[in-house]
Amino acid sequence: MAVKHETELYAPLKLFFEQQGYIVKGEVRTCDLVGMREGEEQPLIVELKKSFNLALLLQGVERLRLSPNVYLAVERVRDKKGAVNQRWGELSGLCRRLGLGLITVVFYKTKAPLVEVLAEPEPPPAPARGGARRRERLLYEFRERSGDYNTGGSTRVKLVTAYREKALRVALALTAAEADAAAAELAAAAKRAARAAAAQDTAGADAAGGRASAAGVTPAELRRRSGVPTAAAILQRNYYRWFTRVNRGRYTLTAAGRAALLEYAAVTEAGASRE
């Protein structure tokens, strides 16, 4: 059966490599699938397409600047119609010459997909140059993500990057801090009211009840609560417009920020369960 979207390749490939000991995450700095295995410095990179084409081949060659461990993955339709489906041997040979691996995925109606490695990545003829910095950025993005929240092969969708994840943690910490401050203020007001009532000093109770804590939360408090060292920079940059400064050195959440916490609830809940 032919797949409608290349994202359908992601799940069986993720399972395949996880069974080999890799931790797999999707859509890491434009790479469809990235995996890391204990004891290995070079990342696994897999690029997905519904069918083998020149764009996929060029994409794979570009990924060799990041790692020598690059695979191209496509669906292998059991129907033998079409010249491409009859030339897997030639395509495998081409990938080997370029230092790329080749994987096919066969989908069935009544059983699990079959993942088959037709070619393993081989060392390129000469070391790729200029990829060290980009590889470090790739690895940084991989390490900084707490989980796998994207599906490899996705396009035109909001991706959960490491930066977005940290911004969500700061936003969540902000709401928690404001809720704690409001609860503490209510408790303090109740105690003041009780003391005033006991002293039959209604005027004093009214005055005490009018006190209010400073609005907003400081970056230092949010850094402590969220565990994000760059919380202050995230607040100041305000890339997603989730935060607003209500006073010097104090921030609160915008309507967009509250909406984001609802939209990405699965991410914040998963992060909280790991702490």
C-alpha atoms as a PDB file:
ATOM      1  CA  MET A   1       0.000   0.000   0.000  1.00  0.00           C
ATOM      2  CA  ALA A   2       1.309   3.466  -0.840  1.00  0.00           C
ATOM      3  CA  VAL A   3       1.617   5.973   1.989  1.00  0.00           C
ATOM      4  CA  LYS A   4       0.013   9.396   1.648  1.00  0.00           C
ATOM      5  CA  HIS A   5       2.549  11.299   3.717  1.00  0.00           C
ATOM      6  CA  GLU A   6       6.221  10.718   4.465  1.00  0.00           C
ATOM      7  CA  THR A   7       5.479  11.184   8.172  1.00  0.00           C
ATOM      8  CA  GLU A   8       3.994   7.672   8.117  1.00  0.00           C
ATOM      9  CA  LEU A   9       7.548   6.340   7.737  1.00  0.00           C
ATOM     10  CA  TYR A  10       8.654   7.892  10.998  1.00  0.00           C
ATOM     11  CA  ALA A  11       7.029   5.537  13.532  1.00  0.00           C
ATOM     12  CA  PRO A  12       8.379   2.232  12.120  1.00  0.00           C
ATOM     13  CA  LEU A  13      11.848   3.760  11.639  1.00  0.00           C
ATOM     14  CA  LYS A  14      11.845   5.182  15.162  1.00  0.00           C
ATOM     15  CA  LEU A  15      10.953   1.737  16.546  1.00  0.00           C
ATOM     16  CA  PHE A  16      13.576   0.045  14.350  1.00  0.00           C
ATOM     17  CA  PHE A  17      16.424   2.196  15.630  1.00  0.00           C
ATOM     18  CA  GLU A  18      15.206   2.231  19.229  1.00  0.00           C
ATOM     19  CA  GLN A  19      15.475  -1.558  19.155  1.00  0.00           C
ATOM     20  CA  GLN A  20      19.140  -1.039  18.265  1.00  0.00           C
ATOM     21  CA  GLY A  21      19.717   1.078  21.356  1.00  0.00           C
ATOM     22  CA  TYR A  22      19.235   4.570  19.928  1.00  0.00           C
ATOM     23  CA  ILE A  23      17.356   7.423  21.559  1.00  0.00           C
ATOM     24  CA  VAL A  24      15.380   8.885  18.658  1.00  0.00           C
ATOM     25  CA  LYS A  25      13.856  12.326  18.170  1.00  0.00           C
ATOM     26  CA  GLY A  26      12.156  13.830  15.127  1.00  0.00           C
ATOM     27  CA  GLU A  27      12.687  17.133  13.311  1.00  0.00           C
ATOM     28  CA  VAL A  28      15.903  18.234  14.996  1.00  0.00           C
ATOM     29  CA  ARG A  29      17.290  21.297  13.168  1.00  0.00           C
ATOM     30  CA  THR A  30      15.623  20.286   9.879  1.00  0.00           C
ATOM     31  CA  CYS A  31      16.789  16.637  10.097  1.00  0.00           C
ATOM     32  CA  ASP A  32      13.781  14.297   9.859  1.00  0.00           C
ATOM     33  CA  LEU A  33      15.081  11.740  12.374  1.00  0.00           C
ATOM     34  CA  VAL A  34      18.080  11.983  14.685  1.00  0.00           C
ATOM     35  CA  GLY A  35      19.320   9.275  16.995  1.00  0.00           C
ATOM     36  CA  MET A  36      22.092   8.967  19.570  1.00  0.00           C
ATOM     37  CA  ARG A  37      23.457   5.779  21.105  1.00  0.00           C
ATOM     38  CA  GLU A  38      25.512   5.482  24.270  1.00  0.00           C
ATOM     39  CA  GLY A  39      29.229   5.399  23.566  1.00  0.00           C
ATOM     40  CA  GLU A  40      28.910   6.981  20.105  1.00  0.00           C
ATOM     41  CA  GLU A  41      29.850  10.589  19.328  1.00  0.00           C
ATOM     42  CA  GLN A  42      28.383  10.804  15.835  1.00  0.00           C
ATOM     43  CA  PRO A  43      24.605  11.171  15.529  1.00  0.00           C
ATOM     44  CA  LEU A  44      22.401   8.951  13.407  1.00  0.00           C
ATOM     45  CA  ILE A  45      20.513  10.990  10.790  1.00  0.00           C
ATOM     46  CA  VAL A  46      17.678   9.652   8.615  1.00  0.00           C
ATOM     47  CA  GLU A  47      15.936  11.631   5.888  1.00  0.00           C
ATOM     48  CA  LEU A  48      12.453  10.464   4.831  1.00  0.00           C
ATOM     49  CA  LYS A  49      10.644  10.610   1.510  1.00  0.00           C
ATOM     50  CA  LYS A  50       7.703   8.732   0.037  1.00  0.00           C
ATOM     51  CA  SER A  51       9.867   7.719  -2.913  1.00  0.00           C
ATOM     52  CA  PHE A  52      13.505   7.910  -3.956  1.00  0.00           C
ATOM     53  CA  ASN A  53      14.300  11.100  -5.876  1.00  0.00           C
ATOM     54  CA  LEU A  54      17.082  13.574  -6.525  1.00  0.00           C
ATOM     55  CA  ALA A  55      15.929  15.957  -3.795  1.00  0.00           C
ATOM     56  CA  LEU A  56      16.300  13.186  -1.196  1.00  0.00           C
ATOM     57  CA  LEU A  57      19.734  12.264  -2.537  1.00  0.00           C
ATOM     58  CA  LEU A  58      20.962  15.859  -2.361  1.00  0.00           C
ATOM     59  CA  GLN A  59      19.533  16.207   1.119  1.00  0.00           C
ATOM     60  CA  GLY A  60      21.426  13.124   2.239  1.00  0.00           C
ATOM     61  CA  VAL A  61      24.704  14.412   0.816  1.00  0.00           C
ATOM     62  CA  GLU A  62      24.192  17.685   2.690  1.00  0.00           C
ATOM     63  CA  ARG A  63      23.629  15.779   5.951  1.00  0.00           C
ATOM     64  CA  LEU A  64      27.049  14.150   5.562  1.00  0.00           C
ATOM     65  CA  ARG A  65      28.459  17.496   6.668  1.00  0.00           C
ATOM     66  CA  LEU A  66      26.905  16.771  10.074  1.00  0.00           C
ATOM     67  CA  SER A  67      27.609  13.066  10.468  1.00  0.00           C
ATOM     68  CA  PRO A  68      28.960  10.078   8.505  1.00  0.00           C
ATOM     69  CA  ASN A  69      26.018   8.022   9.792  1.00  0.00           C
ATOM     70  CA  VAL A  70      23.289   9.124   7.341  1.00  0.00           C
ATOM     71  CA  TYR A  71      20.462   7.007   5.889  1.00  0.00           C
ATOM     72  CA  LEU A  72      17.873   7.734   3.245  1.00  0.00           C
ATOM     73  CA  ALA A  73      14.522   6.072   3.937  1.00  0.00           C
ATOM     74  CA  VAL A  74      11.680   5.529   1.455  1.00  0.00           C
ATOM     75  CA  GLU A  75       8.614   3.371   1.100  1.00  0.00           C
ATOM     76  CA  ARG A  76       9.068   0.168  -0.887  1.00  0.00           C
ATOM     77  CA  VAL A  77       5.796  -0.559  -2.647  1.00  0.00           C
ATOM     78  CA  ARG A  78       5.211  -4.269  -3.169  1.00  0.00           C
ATOM     79  CA  ASP A  79       3.603  -3.539  -6.503  1.00  0.00           C
ATOM     80  CA  LYS A  80       6.390  -3.978  -9.082  1.00  0.00           C
ATOM     81  CA  LYS A  81       5.007  -1.353 -11.451  1.00  0.00           C
ATOM     82  CA  GLY A  82       7.400   1.470 -12.257  1.00  0.00           C
ATOM     83  CA  ALA A  83      11.088   1.385 -13.095  1.00  0.00           C
ATOM     84  CA  VAL A  84      12.288   2.729  -9.732  1.00  0.00           C
ATOM     85  CA  ASN A  85      10.802  -0.166  -7.795  1.00  0.00           C
ATOM     86  CA  GLN A  86      12.857  -2.588  -9.885  1.00  0.00           C
ATOM     87  CA  ARG A  87      16.227  -0.878  -9.449  1.00  0.00           C
ATOM     88  CA  TRP A  88      16.924  -1.138  -5.719  1.00  0.00           C
ATOM     89  CA  GLY A  89      20.292  -2.743  -6.397  1.00  0.00           C
ATOM     90  CA  GLU A  90      21.427   0.224  -8.487  1.00  0.00           C
ATOM     91  CA  LEU A  91      20.083   2.727  -5.978  1.00  0.00           C
ATOM     92  CA  SER A  92      21.865   0.914  -3.144  1.00  0.00           C
ATOM     93  CA  GLY A  93      25.116   1.043  -5.108  1.00  0.00           C
ATOM     94  CA  LEU A  94      24.684   4.765  -5.731  1.00  0.00           C
ATOM     95  CA  CYS A  95      24.116   5.433  -2.044  1.00  0.00           C
ATOM     96  CA  ARG A  96      27.226   3.432  -1.097  1.00  0.00           C
ATOM     97  CA  ARG A  97      29.344   5.457  -3.522  1.00  0.00           C
ATOM     98  CA  LEU A  98      28.144   8.641  -1.831  1.00  0.00           C
ATOM     99  CA  GLY A  99      28.655   7.284   1.676  1.00  0.00           C
ATOM    100  CA  LEU A 100      24.924   7.059   2.397  1.00  0.00           C
ATOM    101  CA  GLY A 101      22.801   4.272   3.806  1.00  0.00           C
ATOM    102  CA  LEU A 102      19.487   3.241   2.242  1.00  0.00           C
ATOM    103  CA  ILE A 103      16.428   1.896   4.057  1.00  0.00           C
ATOM    104  CA  THR A 104      13.074   0.798   2.686  1.00  0.00           C
ATOM    105  CA  VAL A 105       9.801   0.406   4.570  1.00  0.00           C
ATOM    106  CA  VAL A 106       7.104  -1.976   3.322  1.00  0.00           C
ATOM    107  CA  PHE A 107       3.578  -1.389   4.643  1.00  0.00           C
ATOM    108  CA  TYR A 108       0.979  -4.131   4.961  1.00  0.00           C
ATOM    109  CA  LYS A 109      -2.730  -4.020   5.683  1.00  0.00           C
ATOM    110  CA  THR A 110      -2.768  -6.649   8.417  1.00  0.00           C
ATOM    111  CA  LYS A 111       0.721  -6.700   9.916  1.00  0.00           C
ATOM    112  CA  ALA A 112       3.462  -4.380  11.082  1.00  0.00           C
ATOM    113  CA  PRO A 113       5.622  -2.539   8.537  1.00  0.00           C
ATOM    114  CA  LEU A 114       8.857  -4.194   7.431  1.00  0.00           C
ATOM    115  CA  VAL A 115      12.027  -2.090   7.700  1.00  0.00           C
ATOM    116  CA  GLU A 116      14.922  -3.324   5.568  1.00  0.00           C
ATOM    117  CA  VAL A 117      18.422  -1.865   5.348  1.00  0.00           C
ATOM    118  CA  LEU A 118      19.644  -2.148   1.754  1.00  0.00           C
ATOM    119  CA  ALA A 119      22.901  -0.234   2.238  1.00  0.00           C
ATOM    120  CA  GLU A 120      24.904   0.834   5.260  1.00  0.00           C
ATOM    121  CA  PRO A 121      26.638   4.228   5.360  1.00  0.00           C
ATOM    122  CA  GLU A 122      30.274   3.972   4.391  1.00  0.00           C
ATOM    123  CA  PRO A 123      33.019   6.519   5.052  1.00  0.00           C
ATOM    124  CA  PRO A 124      32.970   9.235   2.392  1.00  0.00           C
ATOM    125  CA  PRO A 125      36.009   9.460   0.109  1.00  0.00           C
ATOM    126  CA  ALA A 126      37.246  12.572   1.938  1.00  0.00           C
ATOM    127  CA  PRO A 127      36.257  14.121   5.271  1.00  0.00           C
ATOM    128  CA  ALA A 128      33.442  16.609   4.913  1.00  0.00           C
ATOM    129  CA  ARG A 129      34.621  20.124   5.728  1.00  0.00           C
ATOM    130  CA  GLY A 130      32.863  22.932   7.510  1.00  0.00           C
ATOM    131  CA  GLY A 131      30.382  20.737   9.395  1.00  0.00           C
ATOM    132  CA  ALA A 132      31.834  20.789  12.931  1.00  0.00           C
ATOM    133  CA  ARG A 133      29.928  23.871  14.070  1.00  0.00           C
ATOM    134  CA  ARG A 134      26.663  22.735  12.510  1.00  0.00           C
ATOM    135  CA  ARG A 135      27.086  19.277  14.022  1.00  0.00           C
ATOM    136  CA  GLU A 136      27.582  20.833  17.461  1.00  0.00           C
ATOM    137  CA  ARG A 137      24.381  22.847  17.000  1.00  0.00           C
ATOM    138  CA  LEU A 138      22.546  19.684  15.990  1.00  0.00           C
ATOM    139  CA  LEU A 139      23.812  17.811  19.061  1.00  0.00           C
ATOM    140  CA  TYR A 140      23.020  20.765  21.327  1.00  0.00           C
ATOM    141  CA  GLU A 141      19.449  20.911  20.031  1.00  0.00           C
ATOM    142  CA  PHE A 142      19.117  17.144  20.520  1.00  0.00           C
ATOM    143  CA  ARG A 143      20.476  17.198  24.069  1.00  0.00           C
ATOM    144  CA  GLU A 144      18.401  20.208  25.138  1.00  0.00           C
ATOM    145  CA  ARG A 145      15.072  18.634  24.178  1.00  0.00           C
ATOM    146  CA  SER A 146      13.510  16.711  27.043  1.00  0.00           C
ATOM    147  CA  GLY A 147      11.584  14.329  24.771  1.00  0.00           C
ATOM    148  CA  ASP A 148      10.343  13.567  21.267  1.00  0.00           C
ATOM    149  CA  TYR A 149       7.415  15.877  20.521  1.00  0.00           C
ATOM    150  CA  ASN A 150       7.692  16.117  16.711  1.00  0.00           C
ATOM    151  CA  THR A 151       7.038  13.633  13.917  1.00  0.00           C
ATOM    152  CA  GLY A 152       9.883  13.259  11.448  1.00  0.00           C
ATOM    153  CA  GLY A 153       9.022  14.513   7.962  1.00  0.00           C
ATOM    154  CA  SER A 154       6.610  17.201   9.180  1.00  0.00           C
ATOM    155  CA  THR A 155       6.249  20.430   7.217  1.00  0.00           C
ATOM    156  CA  ARG A 156       4.290  23.629   7.827  1.00  0.00           C
ATOM    157  CA  VAL A 157       3.699  22.776  11.491  1.00  0.00           C
ATOM    158  CA  LYS A 158       4.938  24.371  14.703  1.00  0.00           C
ATOM    159  CA  LEU A 159       7.912  22.379  15.944  1.00  0.00           C
ATOM    160  CA  VAL A 160       8.723  21.916  19.610  1.00  0.00           C
ATOM    161  CA  THR A 161      12.319  23.128  19.625  1.00  0.00           C
ATOM    162  CA  ALA A 162      14.573  23.263  22.685  1.00  0.00           C
ATOM    163  CA  TYR A 163      13.998  27.036  22.831  1.00  0.00           C
ATOM    164  CA  ARG A 164      10.203  26.690  22.700  1.00  0.00           C
ATOM    165  CA  GLU A 165      10.369  24.023  25.386  1.00  0.00           C
ATOM    166  CA  LYS A 166      12.386  26.311  27.691  1.00  0.00           C
ATOM    167  CA  ALA A 167      10.011  29.194  27.042  1.00  0.00           C
ATOM    168  CA  LEU A 168       7.111  26.921  27.994  1.00  0.00           C
ATOM    169  CA  ARG A 169       8.883  25.970  31.221  1.00  0.00           C
ATOM    170  CA  VAL A 170       9.361  29.647  32.065  1.00  0.00           C
ATOM    171  CA  ALA A 171       5.704  30.374  31.272  1.00  0.00           C
ATOM    172  CA  LEU A 172       4.574  27.467  33.430  1.00  0.00           C
ATOM    173  CA  ALA A 173       6.801  28.630  36.280  1.00  0.00           C
ATOM    174  CA  LEU A 174       5.362  32.134  35.945  1.00  0.00           C
ATOM    175  CA  THR A 175       1.782  30.948  36.312  1.00  0.00           C
ATOM    176  CA  ALA A 176       2.743  28.788  39.292  1.00  0.00           C
ATOM    177  CA  ALA A 177       4.564  31.695  40.966  1.00  0.00           C
ATOM    178  CA  GLU A 178       1.619  34.038  40.463  1.00  0.00           C
ATOM    179  CA  ALA A 179      -0.795  31.416  41.809  1.00  0.00           C
ATOM    180  CA  ASP A 180       1.385  30.896  44.897  1.00  0.00           C
ATOM    181  CA  ALA A 181       1.645  34.667  45.458  1.00  0.00           C
ATOM    182  CA  ALA A 182      -2.127  35.085  45.149  1.00  0.00           C
ATOM    183  CA  ALA A 183      -2.746  32.225  47.578  1.00  0.00           C
ATOM    184  CA  ALA A 184      -0.245  33.652  50.065  1.00  0.00           C
ATOM    185  CA  GLU A 185      -1.830  37.100  49.825  1.00  0.00           C
ATOM    186  CA  LEU A 186      -5.301  35.679  50.418  1.00  0.00           C
ATOM    187  CA  ALA A 187      -4.058  33.742  53.432  1.00  0.00           C
ATOM    188  CA  ALA A 188      -2.321  36.828  54.819  1.00  0.00           C
ATOM    189  CA  ALA A 189      -5.442  38.959  54.233  1.00  0.00           C
ATOM    190  CA  ALA A 190      -7.565  36.374  56.031  1.00  0.00           C
ATOM    191  CA  LYS A 191      -5.224  36.427  59.033  1.00  0.00           C
ATOM    192  CA  ARG A 192      -5.225  40.214  59.131  1.00  0.00           C
ATOM    193  CA  ALA A 193      -9.007  40.266  58.916  1.00  0.00           C
ATOM    194  CA  ALA A 194      -9.279  37.723  61.719  1.00  0.00           C
ATOM    195  CA  ARG A 195      -6.953  39.724  63.959  1.00  0.00           C
ATOM    196  CA  ALA A 196      -8.828  42.941  63.194  1.00  0.00           C
ATOM    197  CA  ALA A 197     -12.177  41.317  63.890  1.00  0.00           C
ATOM    198  CA  ALA A 198     -10.900  39.970  67.181  1.00  0.00           C
ATOM    199  CA  ALA A 199      -9.782  43.467  68.132  1.00  0.00           C
ATOM    200  CA  GLN A 200     -13.071  44.900  66.833  1.00  0.00           C
ATOM    201  CA  ASP A 201     -11.085  47.181  64.586  1.00  0.00           C
ATOM    202  CA  THR A 202     -13.041  47.104  61.364  1.00  0.00           C
ATOM    203  CA  ALA A 203     -11.285  50.127  59.951  1.00  0.00           C
ATOM    204  CA  GLY A 204      -7.945  48.477  60.493  1.00  0.00           C
ATOM    205  CA  ALA A 205      -9.187  45.349  58.777  1.00  0.00           C
ATOM    206  CA  ASP A 206     -10.284  47.326  55.737  1.00  0.00           C
ATOM    207  CA  ALA A 207      -6.936  49.052  55.489  1.00  0.00           C
ATOM    208  CA  ALA A 208      -5.025  45.826  55.871  1.00  0.00           C
ATOM    209  CA  GLY A 209      -7.186  44.111  53.295  1.00  0.00           C
ATOM    210  CA  GLY A 210      -6.294  46.777  50.755  1.00  0.00           C
ATOM    211  CA  ARG A 211      -2.612  45.831  50.669  1.00  0.00           C
ATOM    212  CA  ALA A 212      -1.414  44.121  47.518  1.00  0.00           C
ATOM    213  CA  SER A 213       1.767  42.302  46.633  1.00  0.00           C
ATOM    214  CA  ALA A 214       3.926  43.593  43.781  1.00  0.00           C
ATOM    215  CA  ALA A 215       2.539  42.473  40.429  1.00  0.00           C
ATOM    216  CA  GLY A 216       4.550  40.131  38.222  1.00  0.00           C
ATOM    217  CA  VAL A 217       7.450  37.788  38.888  1.00  0.00           C
ATOM    218  CA  THR A 218      11.189  38.449  38.740  1.00  0.00           C
ATOM    219  CA  PRO A 219      13.531  36.648  36.296  1.00  0.00           C
ATOM    220  CA  ALA A 220      15.552  35.307  39.220  1.00  0.00           C
ATOM    221  CA  GLU A 221      12.461  33.652  40.700  1.00  0.00           C
ATOM    222  CA  LEU A 222      11.510  32.189  37.338  1.00  0.00           C
ATOM    223  CA  ARG A 223      15.033  30.882  36.802  1.00  0.00           C
ATOM    224  CA  ARG A 224      14.858  29.147  40.175  1.00  0.00           C
ATOM    225  CA  ARG A 225      11.413  27.683  39.610  1.00  0.00           C
ATOM    226  CA  SER A 226      11.829  26.624  35.965  1.00  0.00           C
ATOM    227  CA  GLY A 227      15.418  25.403  36.124  1.00  0.00           C
ATOM    228  CA  VAL A 228      16.113  27.346  32.904  1.00  0.00           C
ATOM    229  CA  PRO A 229      19.414  29.257  33.283  1.00  0.00           C
ATOM    230  CA  THR A 230      18.515  31.570  30.384  1.00  0.00           C
ATOM    231  CA  ALA A 231      15.099  32.540  31.773  1.00  0.00           C
ATOM    232  CA  ALA A 232      15.990  36.255  31.870  1.00  0.00           C
ATOM    233  CA  ALA A 233      17.080  36.246  28.217  1.00  0.00           C
ATOM    234  CA  ILE A 234      13.883  34.429  27.194  1.00  0.00           C
ATOM    235  CA  LEU A 235      11.778  37.047  28.993  1.00  0.00           C
ATOM    236  CA  GLN A 236      13.683  39.971  27.476  1.00  0.00           C
ATOM    237  CA  ARG A 237      13.758  38.576  23.955  1.00  0.00           C
ATOM    238  CA  ASN A 238      10.099  37.524  24.203  1.00  0.00           C
ATOM    239  CA  TYR A 239      10.282  35.804  20.813  1.00  0.00           C
ATOM    240  CA  TYR A 240       6.778  34.301  20.987  1.00  0.00           C
ATOM    241  CA  ARG A 241       5.176  37.358  22.681  1.00  0.00           C
ATOM    242  CA  TRP A 242       4.174  35.225  25.654  1.00  0.00           C
ATOM    243  CA  PHE A 243       5.446  37.632  28.322  1.00  0.00           C
ATOM    244  CA  THR A 244       4.949  41.262  29.220  1.00  0.00           C
ATOM    245  CA  ARG A 245       6.868  43.472  31.636  1.00  0.00           C
ATOM    246  CA  VAL A 246       4.472  45.031  34.139  1.00  0.00           C
ATOM    247  CA  ASN A 247       7.139  46.731  36.210  1.00  0.00           C
ATOM    248  CA  ARG A 248      10.888  47.040  36.271  1.00  0.00           C
ATOM    249  CA  GLY A 249      12.273  43.512  36.550  1.00  0.00           C
ATOM    250  CA  ARG A 250       8.817  41.917  36.838  1.00  0.00           C
ATOM    251  CA  TYR A 251       6.902  39.956  34.238  1.00  0.00           C
ATOM    252  CA  THR A 252       3.511  38.375  33.752  1.00  0.00           C
ATOM    253  CA  LEU A 253       1.941  36.148  31.103  1.00  0.00           C
ATOM    254  CA  THR A 254       0.054  37.447  28.056  1.00  0.00           C
ATOM    255  CA  ALA A 255      -3.076  35.907  26.580  1.00  0.00           C
ATOM    256  CA  ALA A 256      -0.862  34.307  23.926  1.00  0.00           C
ATOM    257  CA  GLY A 257       1.259  32.763  26.672  1.00  0.00           C
ATOM    258  CA  ARG A 258      -1.759  31.279  28.425  1.00  0.00           C
ATOM    259  CA  ALA A 259      -2.989  29.905  25.096  1.00  0.00           C
ATOM    260  CA  ALA A 260       0.425  28.361  24.455  1.00  0.00           C
ATOM    261  CA  LEU A 261       0.339  26.515  27.776  1.00  0.00           C
ATOM    262  CA  LEU A 262      -2.959  24.972  26.709  1.00  0.00           C
ATOM    263  CA  GLU A 263      -1.740  24.227  23.181  1.00  0.00           C
ATOM    264  CA  TYR A 264       1.436  22.535  24.411  1.00  0.00           C
ATOM    265  CA  ALA A 265       0.006  20.970  27.556  1.00  0.00           C
ATOM    266  CA  ALA A 266       1.372  17.564  26.515  1.00  0.00           C
ATOM    267  CA  VAL A 267       4.904  18.985  26.469  1.00  0.00           C
ATOM    268  CA  THR A 268       4.708  20.681  29.868  1.00  0.00           C
ATOM    269  CA  GLU A 269       3.048  17.659  31.468  1.00  0.00           C
ATOM    270  CA  ALA A 270       5.711  15.322  30.047  1.00  0.00           C
ATOM    271  CA  GLY A 271       8.457  17.624  31.314  1.00  0.00           C
ATOM    272  CA  ALA A 272       6.892  17.783  34.777  1.00  0.00           C
ATOM    273  CA  SER A 273       6.665  13.979  34.976  1.00  0.00           C
ATOM    274  CA  ARG A 274      10.424  13.722  34.358  1.00  0.00           C
ATOM    275  CA  GLU A 275      11.329  16.059  37.215  1.00  0.00           C
END
